[in-house]
Each structure stands twice: as C-alpha cells, then as structure tokens.
Amino acid sequence: MARPKKTSPDAIKRVFTTGDVAKMFGVTRITVNRWVDIGKIKGFNLPDSNDRRIPVESLFEFVEANRIPKALDASGEPLNN
C-alpha cells in the first residue's frame, strides 16, 4: 500500500528546475531560460553549473503578474490539469 503524501513544511518543494517549470506551463526549457534572462521570472544558476533553479515564490509572482491560471497548489506542488 502506498504511503500518503506528506505536506509538512519539510515536504514542500522550494525550487524547481527549468524542466519542471516548462512542463507546468507547456513551454520548452529554452523558453523558461529566456524568461529568466529577460527578468520575466526570477531564477538563479547553480554554482559551477549552467543549471538553473526557479524559487516557488517566483512562480507564484509570475503566475499572478501574467494572469496565468494556477499551475501550483499552495504547497508548491503542480496541479493535475
């Protein structure tokens, strides 16, 4: 039997990869990288890497600023659309 999913503060996802964000919004990772480059969404590069991460707070701001239907629930988990 599968365990129920925890929703404790430790279980909340705080950052997402560009791939995660691309899936949520139905775009490519290149598009997400461009959004970060032009400041449309806040993100950061990992040290010594080209990989980027997008904080969950930045996703909420992006969704509100662009009037996008909610892609995340309050815990930062993707909604099943």
C-alpha atoms as a PDB file:
ATOM      1  CA  MET A   1       0.000   0.000   0.000  1.00  0.00           C
ATOM      2  CA  ALA A   2       1.327   3.461  -0.898  1.00  0.00           C
ATOM      3  CA  ARG A   3       2.027   5.928   1.856  1.00  0.00           C
ATOM      4  CA  PRO A   4       0.037   9.166   1.899  1.00  0.00           C
ATOM      5  CA  LYS A   5       1.963  12.199   0.695  1.00  0.00           C
ATOM      6  CA  LYS A   6       3.348  14.387   3.468  1.00  0.00           C
ATOM      7  CA  THR A   7       2.544  18.085   3.484  1.00  0.00           C
ATOM      8  CA  SER A   8       4.822  19.127   6.304  1.00  0.00           C
ATOM      9  CA  PRO A   9       6.995  22.218   5.717  1.00  0.00           C
ATOM     10  CA  ASP A  10       9.944  19.912   5.026  1.00  0.00           C
ATOM     11  CA  ALA A  11       7.994  18.230   2.209  1.00  0.00           C
ATOM     12  CA  ILE A  12       7.172  21.459   0.345  1.00  0.00           C
ATOM     13  CA  LYS A  13       9.210  21.905  -2.805  1.00  0.00           C
ATOM     14  CA  ARG A  14      11.056  25.237  -2.608  1.00  0.00           C
ATOM     15  CA  VAL A  15      12.769  25.378  -6.023  1.00  0.00           C
ATOM     16  CA  PHE A  16      12.073  23.923  -9.448  1.00  0.00           C
ATOM     17  CA  THR A  17      14.258  23.092 -12.433  1.00  0.00           C
ATOM     18  CA  THR A  18      13.658  24.817 -15.753  1.00  0.00           C
ATOM     19  CA  GLY A  19      12.297  21.464 -16.956  1.00  0.00           C
ATOM     20  CA  ASP A  20       9.766  21.384 -14.111  1.00  0.00           C
ATOM     21  CA  VAL A  21       8.606  24.911 -14.950  1.00  0.00           C
ATOM     22  CA  ALA A  22       8.455  24.152 -18.670  1.00  0.00           C
ATOM     23  CA  LYS A  23       6.150  21.172 -18.004  1.00  0.00           C
ATOM     24  CA  MET A  24       3.896  23.239 -15.738  1.00  0.00           C
ATOM     25  CA  PHE A  25       3.362  25.928 -18.358  1.00  0.00           C
ATOM     26  CA  GLY A  26       3.520  23.808 -21.519  1.00  0.00           C
ATOM     27  CA  VAL A  27       6.630  25.504 -22.925  1.00  0.00           C
ATOM     28  CA  THR A  28      10.227  24.452 -23.588  1.00  0.00           C
ATOM     29  CA  ARG A  29      13.150  24.782 -21.192  1.00  0.00           C
ATOM     30  CA  ILE A  30      14.641  27.284 -23.642  1.00  0.00           C
ATOM     31  CA  THR A  31      11.572  29.494 -23.160  1.00  0.00           C
ATOM     32  CA  VAL A  32      11.927  29.313 -19.374  1.00  0.00           C
ATOM     33  CA  ASN A  33      15.619  30.233 -19.684  1.00  0.00           C
ATOM     34  CA  ARG A  34      14.656  33.238 -21.826  1.00  0.00           C
ATOM     35  CA  TRP A  35      12.081  34.324 -19.228  1.00  0.00           C
ATOM     36  CA  VAL A  36      14.833  34.243 -16.595  1.00  0.00           C
ATOM     37  CA  ASP A  37      17.271  36.084 -18.887  1.00  0.00           C
ATOM     38  CA  ILE A  38      14.830  38.945 -19.536  1.00  0.00           C
ATOM     39  CA  GLY A  39      13.675  39.122 -15.917  1.00  0.00           C
ATOM     40  CA  LYS A  40      10.147  37.874 -16.534  1.00  0.00           C
ATOM     41  CA  ILE A  41      10.666  35.226 -13.875  1.00  0.00           C
ATOM     42  CA  LYS A  42      13.283  35.174 -11.106  1.00  0.00           C
ATOM     43  CA  GLY A  43      15.755  32.327 -11.054  1.00  0.00           C
ATOM     44  CA  PHE A  44      19.378  31.583 -10.313  1.00  0.00           C
ATOM     45  CA  ASN A  45      22.245  29.473 -11.644  1.00  0.00           C
ATOM     46  CA  LEU A  46      23.708  26.730  -9.515  1.00  0.00           C
ATOM     47  CA  PRO A  47      27.380  27.287  -8.619  1.00  0.00           C
ATOM     48  CA  ASP A  48      29.832  25.809 -11.143  1.00  0.00           C
ATOM     49  CA  SER A  49      26.935  24.772 -13.406  1.00  0.00           C
ATOM     50  CA  ASN A  50      24.729  26.019 -16.195  1.00  0.00           C
ATOM     51  CA  ASP A  51      21.703  24.539 -14.417  1.00  0.00           C
ATOM     52  CA  ARG A  52      19.083  26.971 -13.156  1.00  0.00           C
ATOM     53  CA  ARG A  53      16.540  26.840 -10.381  1.00  0.00           C
ATOM     54  CA  ILE A  54      13.314  28.797 -10.009  1.00  0.00           C
ATOM     55  CA  PRO A  55      12.094  29.509  -6.442  1.00  0.00           C
ATOM     56  CA  VAL A  56       8.448  28.636  -5.784  1.00  0.00           C
ATOM     57  CA  GLU A  57       7.761  32.225  -4.659  1.00  0.00           C
ATOM     58  CA  SER A  58       8.943  33.442  -8.063  1.00  0.00           C
ATOM     59  CA  LEU A  59       6.499  31.077  -9.776  1.00  0.00           C
ATOM     60  CA  PHE A  60       3.592  32.450  -7.744  1.00  0.00           C
ATOM     61  CA  GLU A  61       4.627  36.026  -8.643  1.00  0.00           C
ATOM     62  CA  PHE A  62       4.941  35.082 -12.328  1.00  0.00           C
ATOM     63  CA  VAL A  63       1.501  33.450 -12.364  1.00  0.00           C
ATOM     64  CA  GLU A  64      -0.154  36.481 -10.762  1.00  0.00           C
ATOM     65  CA  ALA A  65       1.691  39.071 -12.855  1.00  0.00           C
ATOM     66  CA  ASN A  66       0.799  37.293 -16.102  1.00  0.00           C
ATOM     67  CA  ARG A  67      -2.729  36.253 -15.101  1.00  0.00           C
ATOM     68  CA  ILE A  68      -1.960  32.608 -15.785  1.00  0.00           C
ATOM     69  CA  PRO A  69      -4.376  30.008 -14.397  1.00  0.00           C
ATOM     70  CA  LYS A  70      -2.868  28.498 -11.265  1.00  0.00           C
ATOM     71  CA  ALA A  71      -0.308  25.795 -12.071  1.00  0.00           C
ATOM     72  CA  LEU A  72       0.689  25.126  -8.443  1.00  0.00           C
ATOM     73  CA  ASP A  73      -1.201  24.452  -5.272  1.00  0.00           C
ATOM     74  CA  ALA A  74      -0.413  26.307  -2.036  1.00  0.00           C
ATOM     75  CA  SER A  75       2.326  23.818  -1.135  1.00  0.00           C
ATOM     76  CA  GLY A  76       4.179  24.411  -4.410  1.00  0.00           C
ATOM     77  CA  GLU A  77       3.145  21.112  -5.976  1.00  0.00           C
ATOM     78  CA  PRO A  78       1.998  21.078  -9.629  1.00  0.00           C
ATOM     79  CA  LEU A  79      -1.735  20.798 -10.111  1.00  0.00           C
ATOM     80  CA  ASN A  80      -3.035  17.962 -12.285  1.00  0.00           C
ATOM     81  CA  ASN A  81      -4.700  19.873 -15.120  1.00  0.00           C
END
